[in-house]
Amino acid sequence: MDTNGIKEALKLYFDGSFEGSGEKIATVFNSAAHVYGHGEGGALRDMDIDSFVKLVESGSSDKNRPAYPRHDETLSIEFTGENTAIARVKIRVVNTMYTDILSFIRLDGQWTIISKLYSGVPAE
């Protein structure tokens, strides 16, 4: 299985998240992707990729700040088929530590994230 392709996509995801780069995030996510998590009051938060890119860019003024050290970690990669995979990662964004479940699909030889499910807790 193409573990290197997934790892390359994850590096782009980690870099884009840390840098607040909407361009990198848009590159690694499929144009039909959705991002899911909890919104205010515990309601479902469902963002299309354009909304998520804007969210990432809105935090870019905090990028690379020493008060918020970078943390990205790949916990697991599991192939669910020849062209599908799931990665579980931890990533720090500003003062929140997120655990993300990223669903990947390979189309035309390129791995992209088709969905993201996140859960965050305050970083210590």
PDB file of N, CA and C in Angstrom:
ATOM      1  N   MET A   1       0.832  -1.187   0.000  1.00  0.00           N
ATOM      2  CA  MET A   1       0.000   0.000   0.000  1.00  0.00           C
ATOM      3  C   MET A   1       0.882   1.258   0.000  1.00  0.00           C
ATOM      4  N   ASP A   2       0.318   2.354  -0.434  1.00  0.00           N
ATOM      5  CA  ASP A   2       1.056   3.598  -0.657  1.00  0.00           C
ATOM      6  C   ASP A   2       1.148   4.461   0.609  1.00  0.00           C
ATOM      7  N   THR A   3       1.849   3.946   1.617  1.00  0.00           N
ATOM      8  CA  THR A   3       2.011   4.691   2.867  1.00  0.00           C
ATOM      9  C   THR A   3       2.718   6.014   2.632  1.00  0.00           C
ATOM     10  N   ASN A   4       3.708   6.043   1.740  1.00  0.00           N
ATOM     11  CA  ASN A   4       4.440   7.290   1.484  1.00  0.00           C
ATOM     12  C   ASN A   4       3.529   8.385   0.943  1.00  0.00           C
ATOM     13  N   GLY A   5       2.576   8.028   0.088  1.00  0.00           N
ATOM     14  CA  GLY A   5       1.638   9.019  -0.437  1.00  0.00           C
ATOM     15  C   GLY A   5       0.794   9.643   0.664  1.00  0.00           C
ATOM     16  N   ILE A   6       0.354   8.808   1.613  1.00  0.00           N
ATOM     17  CA  ILE A   6      -0.425   9.311   2.755  1.00  0.00           C
ATOM     18  C   ILE A   6       0.461  10.205   3.627  1.00  0.00           C
ATOM     19  N   LYS A   7       1.696   9.776   3.885  1.00  0.00           N
ATOM     20  CA  LYS A   7       2.602  10.575   4.723  1.00  0.00           C
ATOM     21  C   LYS A   7       2.901  11.928   4.082  1.00  0.00           C
ATOM     22  N   GLU A   8       3.053  11.973   2.765  1.00  0.00           N
ATOM     23  CA  GLU A   8       3.274  13.250   2.070  1.00  0.00           C
ATOM     24  C   GLU A   8       2.061  14.161   2.225  1.00  0.00           C
ATOM     25  N   ALA A   9       0.867  13.606   2.093  1.00  0.00           N
ATOM     26  CA  ALA A   9      -0.357  14.399   2.271  1.00  0.00           C
ATOM     27  C   ALA A   9      -0.475  14.887   3.710  1.00  0.00           C
ATOM     28  N   LEU A  10      -0.122  14.040   4.676  1.00  0.00           N
ATOM     29  CA  LEU A  10      -0.168  14.448   6.073  1.00  0.00           C
ATOM     30  C   LEU A  10       0.813  15.572   6.370  1.00  0.00           C
ATOM     31  N   LYS A  11       2.001  15.513   5.777  1.00  0.00           N
ATOM     32  CA  LYS A  11       2.972  16.602   5.977  1.00  0.00           C
ATOM     33  C   LYS A  11       2.391  17.921   5.489  1.00  0.00           C
ATOM     34  N   LEU A  12       1.750  17.908   4.339  1.00  0.00           N
ATOM     35  CA  LEU A  12       1.114  19.115   3.811  1.00  0.00           C
ATOM     36  C   LEU A  12       0.002  19.586   4.747  1.00  0.00           C
ATOM     37  N   TYR A  13      -0.781  18.652   5.278  1.00  0.00           N
ATOM     38  CA  TYR A  13      -1.847  18.976   6.228  1.00  0.00           C
ATOM     39  C   TYR A  13      -1.262  19.603   7.499  1.00  0.00           C
ATOM     40  N   PHE A  14      -0.225  18.983   8.053  1.00  0.00           N
ATOM     41  CA  PHE A  14       0.399  19.510   9.267  1.00  0.00           C
ATOM     42  C   PHE A  14       0.995  20.896   9.017  1.00  0.00           C
ATOM     43  N   ASP A  15       1.734  21.052   7.922  1.00  0.00           N
ATOM     44  CA  ASP A  15       2.351  22.343   7.598  1.00  0.00           C
ATOM     45  C   ASP A  15       1.285  23.416   7.391  1.00  0.00           C
ATOM     46  N   GLY A  16       0.247  23.102   6.627  1.00  0.00           N
ATOM     47  CA  GLY A  16      -0.808  24.073   6.361  1.00  0.00           C
ATOM     48  C   GLY A  16      -1.535  24.483   7.628  1.00  0.00           C
ATOM     49  N   SER A  17      -1.769  23.533   8.514  1.00  0.00           N
ATOM     50  CA  SER A  17      -2.441  23.837   9.780  1.00  0.00           C
ATOM     51  C   SER A  17      -1.586  24.731  10.653  1.00  0.00           C
ATOM     52  N   PHE A  18      -0.302  24.412  10.779  1.00  0.00           N
ATOM     53  CA  PHE A  18       0.599  25.201  11.618  1.00  0.00           C
ATOM     54  C   PHE A  18       0.805  26.600  11.053  1.00  0.00           C
ATOM     55  N   GLU A  19       0.941  26.689   9.756  1.00  0.00           N
ATOM     56  CA  GLU A  19       1.227  27.976   9.109  1.00  0.00           C
ATOM     57  C   GLU A  19      -0.024  28.815   8.878  1.00  0.00           C
ATOM     58  N   GLY A  20      -1.198  28.240   9.059  1.00  0.00           N
ATOM     59  CA  GLY A  20      -2.426  28.953   8.739  1.00  0.00           C
ATOM     60  C   GLY A  20      -2.548  29.184   7.245  1.00  0.00           C
ATOM     61  N   SER A  21      -2.053  28.224   6.461  1.00  0.00           N
ATOM     62  CA  SER A  21      -2.033  28.356   5.006  1.00  0.00           C
ATOM     63  C   SER A  21      -3.263  27.704   4.384  1.00  0.00           C
ATOM     64  N   GLY A  22      -4.201  28.536   3.993  1.00  0.00           N
ATOM     65  CA  GLY A  22      -5.373  28.035   3.298  1.00  0.00           C
ATOM     66  C   GLY A  22      -5.010  27.364   1.988  1.00  0.00           C
ATOM     67  N   GLU A  23      -3.966  27.856   1.341  1.00  0.00           N
ATOM     68  CA  GLU A  23      -3.526  27.287   0.065  1.00  0.00           C
ATOM     69  C   GLU A  23      -3.085  25.831   0.244  1.00  0.00           C
ATOM     70  N   LYS A  24      -2.295  25.557   1.264  1.00  0.00           N
ATOM     71  CA  LYS A  24      -1.847  24.183   1.503  1.00  0.00           C
ATOM     72  C   LYS A  24      -3.006  23.293   1.915  1.00  0.00           C
ATOM     73  N   ILE A  25      -3.892  23.819   2.758  1.00  0.00           N
ATOM     74  CA  ILE A  25      -5.052  23.036   3.195  1.00  0.00           C
ATOM     75  C   ILE A  25      -5.930  22.695   1.995  1.00  0.00           C
ATOM     76  N   ALA A  26      -6.170  23.670   1.132  1.00  0.00           N
ATOM     77  CA  ALA A  26      -7.007  23.434  -0.052  1.00  0.00           C
ATOM     78  C   ALA A  26      -6.379  22.395  -0.976  1.00  0.00           C
ATOM     79  N   THR A  27      -5.063  22.331  -1.001  1.00  0.00           N
ATOM     80  CA  THR A  27      -4.364  21.377  -1.852  1.00  0.00           C
ATOM     81  C   THR A  27      -4.527  19.947  -1.346  1.00  0.00           C
ATOM     82  N   VAL A  28      -4.521  19.751  -0.041  1.00  0.00           N
ATOM     83  CA  VAL A  28      -4.541  18.395   0.519  1.00  0.00           C
ATOM     84  C   VAL A  28      -5.970  17.860   0.703  1.00  0.00           C
ATOM     85  N   PHE A  29      -6.959  18.743   0.709  1.00  0.00           N
ATOM     86  CA  PHE A  29      -8.347  18.313   0.837  1.00  0.00           C
ATOM     87  C   PHE A  29      -8.994  18.193  -0.535  1.00  0.00           C
ATOM     88  N   ASN A  30      -9.826  17.197  -0.705  1.00  0.00           N
ATOM     89  CA  ASN A  30     -10.630  17.040  -1.913  1.00  0.00           C
ATOM     90  C   ASN A  30     -11.637  18.190  -1.964  1.00  0.00           C
ATOM     91  N   SER A  31     -11.974  18.651  -3.152  1.00  0.00           N
ATOM     92  CA  SER A  31     -12.899  19.784  -3.281  1.00  0.00           C
ATOM     93  C   SER A  31     -14.306  19.469  -2.757  1.00  0.00           C
ATOM     94  N   ALA A  32     -14.637  18.190  -2.588  1.00  0.00           N
ATOM     95  CA  ALA A  32     -15.937  17.791  -2.044  1.00  0.00           C
ATOM     96  C   ALA A  32     -15.872  17.469  -0.549  1.00  0.00           C
ATOM     97  N   ALA A  33     -14.725  17.709   0.088  1.00  0.00           N
ATOM     98  CA  ALA A  33     -14.513  17.325   1.482  1.00  0.00           C
ATOM     99  C   ALA A  33     -15.414  18.095   2.445  1.00  0.00           C
ATOM    100  N   HIS A  34     -15.640  17.454   3.588  1.00  0.00           N
ATOM    101  CA  HIS A  34     -16.338  18.099   4.703  1.00  0.00           C
ATOM    102  C   HIS A  34     -15.549  17.866   5.979  1.00  0.00           C
ATOM    103  N   VAL A  35     -15.703  18.804   6.904  1.00  0.00           N
ATOM    104  CA  VAL A  35     -15.046  18.759   8.206  1.00  0.00           C
ATOM    105  C   VAL A  35     -16.146  18.751   9.257  1.00  0.00           C
ATOM    106  N   TYR A  36     -16.062  17.784  10.179  1.00  0.00           N
ATOM    107  CA  TYR A  36     -17.104  17.597  11.182  1.00  0.00           C
ATOM    108  C   TYR A  36     -16.526  17.686  12.591  1.00  0.00           C
ATOM    109  N   GLY A  37     -17.321  18.237  13.494  1.00  0.00           N
ATOM    110  CA  GLY A  37     -16.963  18.297  14.900  1.00  0.00           C
ATOM    111  C   GLY A  37     -18.114  18.886  15.688  1.00  0.00           C
ATOM    112  N   HIS A  38     -17.820  19.293  16.921  1.00  0.00           N
ATOM    113  CA  HIS A  38     -18.834  19.908  17.769  1.00  0.00           C
ATOM    114  C   HIS A  38     -18.775  21.420  17.626  1.00  0.00           C
ATOM    115  N   GLY A  39     -19.935  22.023  17.473  1.00  0.00           N
ATOM    116  CA  GLY A  39     -20.056  23.473  17.458  1.00  0.00           C
ATOM    117  C   GLY A  39     -20.528  23.957  18.819  1.00  0.00           C
ATOM    118  N   GLU A  40     -21.018  25.172  18.840  1.00  0.00           N
ATOM    119  CA  GLU A  40     -21.510  25.752  20.089  1.00  0.00           C
ATOM    120  C   GLU A  40     -22.679  24.938  20.630  1.00  0.00           C
ATOM    121  N   GLY A  41     -22.686  24.753  21.925  1.00  0.00           N
ATOM    122  CA  GLY A  41     -23.765  24.022  22.572  1.00  0.00           C
ATOM    123  C   GLY A  41     -23.781  22.542  22.262  1.00  0.00           C
ATOM    124  N   GLY A  42     -22.705  22.034  21.675  1.00  0.00           N
ATOM    125  CA  GLY A  42     -22.612  20.615  21.369  1.00  0.00           C
ATOM    126  C   GLY A  42     -23.290  20.212  20.078  1.00  0.00           C
ATOM    127  N   ALA A  43     -23.764  21.178  19.306  1.00  0.00           N
ATOM    128  CA  ALA A  43     -24.409  20.867  18.025  1.00  0.00           C
ATOM    129  C   ALA A  43     -23.366  20.418  17.004  1.00  0.00           C
ATOM    130  N   LEU A  44     -23.811  19.685  16.011  1.00  0.00           N
ATOM    131  CA  LEU A  44     -22.924  19.245  14.939  1.00  0.00           C
ATOM    132  C   LEU A  44     -22.408  20.454  14.163  1.00  0.00           C
ATOM    133  N   ARG A  45     -21.120  20.476  13.930  1.00  0.00           N
ATOM    134  CA  ARG A  45     -20.514  21.482  13.064  1.00  0.00           C
ATOM    135  C   ARG A  45     -20.088  20.766  11.794  1.00  0.00           C
ATOM    136  N   ASP A  46     -20.591  21.226  10.670  1.00  0.00           N
ATOM    137  CA  ASP A  46     -20.320  20.615   9.368  1.00  0.00           C
ATOM    138  C   ASP A  46     -19.886  21.733   8.435  1.00  0.00           C
ATOM    139  N   MET A  47     -18.605  21.698   8.047  1.00  0.00           N
ATOM    140  CA  MET A  47     -18.063  22.731   7.160  1.00  0.00           C
ATOM    141  C   MET A  47     -17.661  22.115   5.837  1.00  0.00           C
ATOM    142  N   ASP A  48     -17.988  22.793   4.745  1.00  0.00           N
ATOM    143  CA  ASP A  48     -17.427  22.374   3.465  1.00  0.00           C
ATOM    144  C   ASP A  48     -15.984  22.869   3.422  1.00  0.00           C
ATOM    145  N   ILE A  49     -15.243  22.457   2.427  1.00  0.00           N
ATOM    146  CA  ILE A  49     -13.814  22.769   2.402  1.00  0.00           C
ATOM    147  C   ILE A  49     -13.554  24.265   2.273  1.00  0.00           C
ATOM    148  N   ASP A  50     -14.390  24.997   1.534  1.00  0.00           N
ATOM    149  CA  ASP A  50     -14.189  26.446   1.415  1.00  0.00           C
ATOM    150  C   ASP A  50     -14.322  27.133   2.766  1.00  0.00           C
ATOM    151  N   SER A  51     -15.297  26.727   3.558  1.00  0.00           N
ATOM    152  CA  SER A  51     -15.474  27.298   4.896  1.00  0.00           C
ATOM    153  C   SER A  51     -14.298  26.937   5.799  1.00  0.00           C
ATOM    154  N   PHE A  52     -13.812  25.704   5.688  1.00  0.00           N
ATOM    155  CA  PHE A  52     -12.682  25.286   6.516  1.00  0.00           C
ATOM    156  C   PHE A  52     -11.417  26.042   6.138  1.00  0.00           C
ATOM    157  N   VAL A  53     -11.183  26.252   4.855  1.00  0.00           N
ATOM    158  CA  VAL A  53     -10.011  27.024   4.408  1.00  0.00           C
ATOM    159  C   VAL A  53     -10.069  28.426   4.987  1.00  0.00           C
ATOM    160  N   LYS A  54     -11.226  29.051   4.967  1.00  0.00           N
ATOM    161  CA  LYS A  54     -11.381  30.404   5.537  1.00  0.00           C
ATOM    162  C   LYS A  54     -11.099  30.391   7.028  1.00  0.00           C
ATOM    163  N   LEU A  55     -11.552  29.346   7.721  1.00  0.00           N
ATOM    164  CA  LEU A  55     -11.292  29.226   9.156  1.00  0.00           C
ATOM    165  C   LEU A  55      -9.794  29.116   9.426  1.00  0.00           C
ATOM    166  N   VAL A  56      -9.110  28.280   8.664  1.00  0.00           N
ATOM    167  CA  VAL A  56      -7.660  28.122   8.823  1.00  0.00           C
ATOM    168  C   VAL A  56      -6.957  29.462   8.584  1.00  0.00           C
ATOM    169  N   GLU A  57      -7.348  30.158   7.529  1.00  0.00           N
ATOM    170  CA  GLU A  57      -6.728  31.443   7.205  1.00  0.00           C
ATOM    171  C   GLU A  57      -7.011  32.501   8.266  1.00  0.00           C
ATOM    172  N   SER A  58      -8.175  32.427   8.916  1.00  0.00           N
ATOM    173  CA  SER A  58      -8.519  33.432   9.926  1.00  0.00           C
ATOM    174  C   SER A  58      -7.607  33.348  11.141  1.00  0.00           C
ATOM    175  N   GLY A  59      -7.001  32.194  11.380  1.00  0.00           N
ATOM    176  CA  GLY A  59      -6.075  32.040  12.496  1.00  0.00           C
ATOM    177  C   GLY A  59      -4.630  32.262  12.119  1.00  0.00           C
ATOM    178  N   SER A  60      -4.371  32.696  10.875  1.00  0.00           N
ATOM    179  CA  SER A  60      -2.990  32.798  10.403  1.00  0.00           C
ATOM    180  C   SER A  60      -2.198  33.872  11.117  1.00  0.00           C
ATOM    181  N   SER A  61      -2.857  34.835  11.767  1.00  0.00           N
ATOM    182  CA  SER A  61      -2.095  35.851  12.498  1.00  0.00           C
ATOM    183  C   SER A  61      -1.379  35.245  13.695  1.00  0.00           C
ATOM    184  N   ASP A  62      -1.813  34.054  14.137  1.00  0.00           N
ATOM    185  CA  ASP A  62      -1.170  33.368  15.258  1.00  0.00           C
ATOM    186  C   ASP A  62      -0.077  32.409  14.815  1.00  0.00           C
ATOM    187  N   LYS A  63       0.139  32.282  13.505  1.00  0.00           N
ATOM    188  CA  LYS A  63       1.073  31.267  13.013  1.00  0.00           C
ATOM    189  C   LYS A  63       2.495  31.495  13.512  1.00  0.00           C
ATOM    190  N   ASN A  64       3.157  30.387  13.755  1.00  0.00           N
ATOM    191  CA  ASN A  64       4.577  30.370  14.118  1.00  0.00           C
ATOM    192  C   ASN A  64       4.901  31.134  15.393  1.00  0.00           C
ATOM    193  N   ARG A  65       3.923  31.347  16.257  1.00  0.00           N
ATOM    194  CA  ARG A  65       4.190  32.062  17.497  1.00  0.00           C
ATOM    195  C   ARG A  65       4.870  31.121  18.487  1.00  0.00           C
ATOM    196  N   PRO A  66       5.967  31.564  19.111  1.00  0.00           N
ATOM    197  CA  PRO A  66       6.675  30.693  20.047  1.00  0.00           C
ATOM    198  C   PRO A  66       5.817  30.270  21.235  1.00  0.00           C
ATOM    199  N   ALA A  67       4.806  31.069  21.596  1.00  0.00           N
ATOM    200  CA  ALA A  67       3.950  30.715  22.725  1.00  0.00           C
ATOM    201  C   ALA A  67       3.115  29.480  22.417  1.00  0.00           C
ATOM    202  N   TYR A  68       3.017  29.140  21.147  1.00  0.00           N
ATOM    203  CA  TYR A  68       2.233  27.990  20.736  1.00  0.00           C
ATOM    204  C   TYR A  68       3.129  27.031  19.968  1.00  0.00           C
ATOM    205  N   PRO A  69       3.812  26.141  20.679  1.00  0.00           N
ATOM    206  CA  PRO A  69       4.735  25.236  19.984  1.00  0.00           C
ATOM    207  C   PRO A  69       4.009  24.285  19.045  1.00  0.00           C
ATOM    208  N   ARG A  70       4.717  23.919  18.010  1.00  0.00           N
ATOM    209  CA  ARG A  70       4.159  22.992  17.031  1.00  0.00           C
ATOM    210  C   ARG A  70       4.129  21.579  17.604  1.00  0.00           C
ATOM    211  N   HIS A  71       3.030  20.904  17.363  1.00  0.00           N
ATOM    212  CA  HIS A  71       2.920  19.486  17.705  1.00  0.00           C
ATOM    213  C   HIS A  71       2.067  18.824  16.641  1.00  0.00           C
ATOM    214  N   ASP A  72       2.651  17.903  15.900  1.00  0.00           N
ATOM    215  CA  ASP A  72       1.875  17.079  14.995  1.00  0.00           C
ATOM    216  C   ASP A  72       2.418  15.663  15.069  1.00  0.00           C
ATOM    217  N   GLU A  73       1.501  14.740  15.107  1.00  0.00           N
ATOM    218  CA  GLU A  73       1.865  13.344  15.344  1.00  0.00           C
ATOM    219  C   GLU A  73       0.892  12.440  14.591  1.00  0.00           C
ATOM    220  N   THR A  74       1.431  11.493  13.883  1.00  0.00           N
ATOM    221  CA  THR A  74       0.603  10.489  13.217  1.00  0.00           C
ATOM    222  C   THR A  74       0.470   9.306  14.169  1.00  0.00           C
ATOM    223  N   LEU A  75      -0.756   9.039  14.596  1.00  0.00           N
ATOM    224  CA  LEU A  75      -1.008   7.942  15.528  1.00  0.00           C
ATOM    225  C   LEU A  75      -1.192   6.620  14.793  1.00  0.00           C
ATOM    226  N   SER A  76      -1.865   6.670  13.637  1.00  0.00           N
ATOM    227  CA  SER A  76      -2.062   5.444  12.870  1.00  0.00           C
ATOM    228  C   SER A  76      -2.483   5.774  11.444  1.00  0.00           C
ATOM    229  N   ILE A  77      -2.163   4.850  10.554  1.00  0.00           N
ATOM    230  CA  ILE A  77      -2.636   4.889   9.170  1.00  0.00           C
ATOM    231  C   ILE A  77      -3.157   3.493   8.872  1.00  0.00           C
ATOM    232  N   GLU A  78      -4.398   3.424   8.394  1.00  0.00           N
ATOM    233  CA  GLU A  78      -5.002   2.140   8.072  1.00  0.00           C
ATOM    234  C   GLU A  78      -5.613   2.218   6.677  1.00  0.00           C
ATOM    235  N   PHE A  79      -5.214   1.288   5.838  1.00  0.00           N
ATOM    236  CA  PHE A  79      -5.793   1.226   4.497  1.00  0.00           C
ATOM    237  C   PHE A  79      -7.082   0.423   4.567  1.00  0.00           C
ATOM    238  N   THR A  80      -8.135   0.997   4.007  1.00  0.00           N
ATOM    239  CA  THR A  80      -9.432   0.328   3.996  1.00  0.00           C
ATOM    240  C   THR A  80      -9.735  -0.243   2.616  1.00  0.00           C
ATOM    241  N   GLY A  81      -8.838  -0.010   1.689  1.00  0.00           N
ATOM    242  CA  GLY A  81      -8.938  -0.491   0.323  1.00  0.00           C
ATOM    243  C   GLY A  81      -7.710  -0.014  -0.427  1.00  0.00           C
ATOM    244  N   GLU A  82      -7.631  -0.324  -1.691  1.00  0.00           N
ATOM    245  CA  GLU A  82      -6.478   0.086  -2.487  1.00  0.00           C
ATOM    246  C   GLU A  82      -6.391   1.604  -2.635  1.00  0.00           C
ATOM    247  N   ASN A  83      -7.531   2.281  -2.636  1.00  0.00           N
ATOM    248  CA  ASN A  83      -7.569   3.725  -2.875  1.00  0.00           C
ATOM    249  C   ASN A  83      -8.257   4.499  -1.764  1.00  0.00           C
ATOM    250  N   THR A  84      -8.357   3.888  -0.580  1.00  0.00           N
ATOM    251  CA  THR A  84      -8.952   4.559   0.575  1.00  0.00           C
ATOM    252  C   THR A  84      -8.149   4.227   1.821  1.00  0.00           C
ATOM    253  N   ALA A  85      -8.102   5.194   2.734  1.00  0.00           N
ATOM    254  CA  ALA A  85      -7.350   5.006   3.968  1.00  0.00           C
ATOM    255  C   ALA A  85      -7.890   5.945   5.031  1.00  0.00           C
ATOM    256  N   ILE A  86      -7.553   5.628   6.277  1.00  0.00           N
ATOM    257  CA  ILE A  86      -7.907   6.469   7.410  1.00  0.00           C
ATOM    258  C   ILE A  86      -6.631   6.722   8.204  1.00  0.00           C
ATOM    259  N   ALA A  87      -6.416   7.984   8.570  1.00  0.00           N
ATOM    260  CA  ALA A  87      -5.289   8.341   9.432  1.00  0.00           C
ATOM    261  C   ALA A  87      -5.838   8.991  10.688  1.00  0.00           C
ATOM    262  N   ARG A  88      -5.278   8.619  11.813  1.00  0.00           N
ATOM    263  CA  ARG A  88      -5.619   9.260  13.082  1.00  0.00           C
ATOM    264  C   ARG A  88      -4.387  10.047  13.500  1.00  0.00           C
ATOM    265  N   VAL A  89      -4.583  11.358  13.733  1.00  0.00           N
ATOM    266  CA  VAL A  89      -3.459  12.239  14.035  1.00  0.00           C
ATOM    267  C   VAL A  89      -3.782  13.123  15.228  1.00  0.00           C
ATOM    268  N   LYS A  90      -2.727  13.649  15.842  1.00  0.00           N
ATOM    269  CA  LYS A  90      -2.851  14.688  16.865  1.00  0.00           C
ATOM    270  C   LYS A  90      -2.146  15.917  16.327  1.00  0.00           C
ATOM    271  N   ILE A  91      -2.769  17.070  16.570  1.00  0.00           N
ATOM    272  CA  ILE A  91      -2.203  18.308  16.068  1.00  0.00           C
ATOM    273  C   ILE A  91      -2.572  19.443  17.017  1.00  0.00           C
ATOM    274  N   ARG A  92      -1.607  20.297  17.275  1.00  0.00           N
ATOM    275  CA  ARG A  92      -1.864  21.467  18.108  1.00  0.00           C
ATOM    276  C   ARG A  92      -2.107  22.655  17.201  1.00  0.00           C
ATOM    277  N   VAL A  93      -3.211  23.363  17.464  1.00  0.00           N
ATOM    278  CA  VAL A  93      -3.505  24.606  16.772  1.00  0.00           C
ATOM    279  C   VAL A  93      -3.736  25.644  17.858  1.00  0.00           C
ATOM    280  N   VAL A  94      -2.830  26.595  17.938  1.00  0.00           N
ATOM    281  CA  VAL A  94      -2.815  27.640  18.960  1.00  0.00           C
ATOM    282  C   VAL A  94      -2.844  26.976  20.333  1.00  0.00           C
ATOM    283  N   ASN A  95      -3.929  27.104  21.106  1.00  0.00           N
ATOM    284  CA  ASN A  95      -3.932  26.538  22.464  1.00  0.00           C
ATOM    285  C   ASN A  95      -4.869  25.337  22.588  1.00  0.00           C
ATOM    286  N   THR A  96      -5.141  24.669  21.473  1.00  0.00           N
ATOM    287  CA  THR A  96      -5.997  23.478  21.484  1.00  0.00           C
ATOM    288  C   THR A  96      -5.255  22.302  20.861  1.00  0.00           C
ATOM    289  N   MET A  97      -5.353  21.153  21.517  1.00  0.00           N
ATOM    290  CA  MET A  97      -4.803  19.914  20.989  1.00  0.00           C
ATOM    291  C   MET A  97      -5.967  19.120  20.384  1.00  0.00           C
ATOM    292  N   TYR A  98      -5.862  18.846  19.098  1.00  0.00           N
ATOM    293  CA  TYR A  98      -6.914  18.143  18.378  1.00  0.00           C
ATOM    294  C   TYR A  98      -6.499  16.710  18.085  1.00  0.00           C
ATOM    295  N   THR A  99      -7.455  15.812  18.147  1.00  0.00           N
ATOM    296  CA  THR A  99      -7.317  14.481  17.590  1.00  0.00           C
ATOM    297  C   THR A  99      -8.227  14.459  16.374  1.00  0.00           C
ATOM    298  N   ASP A 100      -7.652  14.187  15.218  1.00  0.00           N
ATOM    299  CA  ASP A 100      -8.387  14.183  13.961  1.00  0.00           C
ATOM    300  C   ASP A 100      -8.411  12.784  13.373  1.00  0.00           C
ATOM    301  N   ILE A 101      -9.546  12.422  12.827  1.00  0.00           N
ATOM    302  CA  ILE A 101      -9.657  11.215  12.021  1.00  0.00           C
ATOM    303  C   ILE A 101      -9.855  11.695  10.592  1.00  0.00           C
ATOM    304  N   LEU A 102      -8.871  11.406   9.750  1.00  0.00           N
ATOM    305  CA  LEU A 102      -8.854  11.890   8.376  1.00  0.00           C
ATOM    306  C   LEU A 102      -9.109  10.724   7.429  1.00  0.00           C
ATOM    307  N   SER A 103     -10.142  10.844   6.622  1.00  0.00           N
ATOM    308  CA  SER A 103     -10.444   9.825   5.615  1.00  0.00           C
ATOM    309  C   SER A 103      -9.845  10.267   4.297  1.00  0.00           C
ATOM    310  N   PHE A 104      -9.052   9.395   3.707  1.00  0.00           N
ATOM    311  CA  PHE A 104      -8.362   9.690   2.451  1.00  0.00           C
ATOM    312  C   PHE A 104      -8.963   8.901   1.300  1.00  0.00           C
ATOM    313  N   ILE A 105      -8.911   9.508   0.122  1.00  0.00           N
ATOM    314  CA  ILE A 105      -9.269   8.830  -1.110  1.00  0.00           C
ATOM    315  C   ILE A 105      -8.201   9.155  -2.150  1.00  0.00           C
ATOM    316  N   ARG A 106      -7.827   8.149  -2.934  1.00  0.00           N
ATOM    317  CA  ARG A 106      -6.849   8.376  -4.005  1.00  0.00           C
ATOM    318  C   ARG A 106      -7.599   8.410  -5.331  1.00  0.00           C
ATOM    319  N   LEU A 107      -7.499   9.550  -5.997  1.00  0.00           N
ATOM    320  CA  LEU A 107      -8.107   9.748  -7.314  1.00  0.00           C
ATOM    321  C   LEU A 107      -7.026  10.234  -8.259  1.00  0.00           C
ATOM    322  N   ASP A 108      -6.958   9.639  -9.431  1.00  0.00           N
ATOM    323  CA  ASP A 108      -5.939  10.013 -10.420  1.00  0.00           C
ATOM    324  C   ASP A 108      -4.539   9.992  -9.817  1.00  0.00           C
ATOM    325  N   GLY A 109      -4.293   9.024  -8.927  1.00  0.00           N
ATOM    326  CA  GLY A 109      -2.972   8.841  -8.339  1.00  0.00           C
ATOM    327  C   GLY A 109      -2.634   9.769  -7.187  1.00  0.00           C
ATOM    328  N   GLN A 110      -3.545  10.651  -6.787  1.00  0.00           N
ATOM    329  CA  GLN A 110      -3.254  11.615  -5.713  1.00  0.00           C
ATOM    330  C   GLN A 110      -4.149  11.355  -4.504  1.00  0.00           C
ATOM    331  N   TRP A 111      -3.517  11.290  -3.321  1.00  0.00           N
ATOM    332  CA  TRP A 111      -4.252  11.132  -2.074  1.00  0.00           C
ATOM    333  C   TRP A 111      -4.740  12.487  -1.598  1.00  0.00           C
ATOM    334  N   THR A 112      -6.041  12.577  -1.296  1.00  0.00           N
ATOM    335  CA  THR A 112      -6.597  13.787  -0.696  1.00  0.00           C
ATOM    336  C   THR A 112      -7.520  13.387   0.452  1.00  0.00           C
ATOM    337  N   ILE A 113      -7.732  14.334   1.348  1.00  0.00           N
ATOM    338  CA  ILE A 113      -8.628  14.119   2.484  1.00  0.00           C
ATOM    339  C   ILE A 113     -10.053  14.387   2.006  1.00  0.00           C
ATOM    340  N   ILE A 114     -10.924  13.416   2.202  1.00  0.00           N
ATOM    341  CA  ILE A 114     -12.322  13.557   1.793  1.00  0.00           C
ATOM    342  C   ILE A 114     -13.206  13.916   2.993  1.00  0.00           C
ATOM    343  N   SER A 115     -12.759  13.578   4.220  1.00  0.00           N
ATOM    344  CA  SER A 115     -13.489  14.017   5.414  1.00  0.00           C
ATOM    345  C   SER A 115     -12.549  14.079   6.602  1.00  0.00           C
ATOM    346  N   LYS A 116     -12.904  14.985   7.512  1.00  0.00           N
ATOM    347  CA  LYS A 116     -12.143  15.166   8.745  1.00  0.00           C
ATOM    348  C   LYS A 116     -13.139  15.217   9.887  1.00  0.00           C
ATOM    349  N   LEU A 117     -12.909  14.406  10.923  1.00  0.00           N
ATOM    350  CA  LEU A 117     -13.668  14.450  12.152  1.00  0.00           C
ATOM    351  C   LEU A 117     -12.689  14.861  13.241  1.00  0.00           C
ATOM    352  N   TYR A 118     -12.995  15.963  13.933  1.00  0.00           N
ATOM    353  CA  TYR A 118     -12.052  16.469  14.935  1.00  0.00           C
ATOM    354  C   TYR A 118     -12.679  16.534  16.323  1.00  0.00           C
ATOM    355  N   SER A 119     -11.814  16.476  17.306  1.00  0.00           N
ATOM    356  CA  SER A 119     -12.185  16.660  18.698  1.00  0.00           C
ATOM    357  C   SER A 119     -11.024  17.380  19.367  1.00  0.00           C
ATOM    358  N   GLY A 120     -11.312  18.445  20.096  1.00  0.00           N
ATOM    359  CA  GLY A 120     -10.232  19.217  20.700  1.00  0.00           C
ATOM    360  C   GLY A 120     -10.377  19.372  22.194  1.00  0.00           C
ATOM    361  N   VAL A 121      -9.219  19.482  22.847  1.00  0.00           N
ATOM    362  CA  VAL A 121      -9.143  19.768  24.281  1.00  0.00           C
ATOM    363  C   VAL A 121      -8.082  20.842  24.470  1.00  0.00           C
ATOM    364  N   PRO A 122      -8.185  21.636  25.554  1.00  0.00           N
ATOM    365  CA  PRO A 122      -7.157  22.644  25.797  1.00  0.00           C
ATOM    366  C   PRO A 122      -5.766  22.002  25.896  1.00  0.00           C
ATOM    367  N   ALA A 123      -4.791  22.628  25.235  1.00  0.00           N
ATOM    368  CA  ALA A 123      -3.405  22.136  25.289  1.00  0.00           C
ATOM    369  C   ALA A 123      -2.808  22.479  26.640  1.00  0.00           C
ATOM    370  N   GLU A 124      -1.976  21.598  27.121  1.00  0.00           N
ATOM    371  CA  GLU A 124      -1.340  21.839  28.421  1.00  0.00           C
ATOM    372  C   GLU A 124      -0.039  22.576  28.258  1.00  0.00           C
TER     373      GLU A 124
END
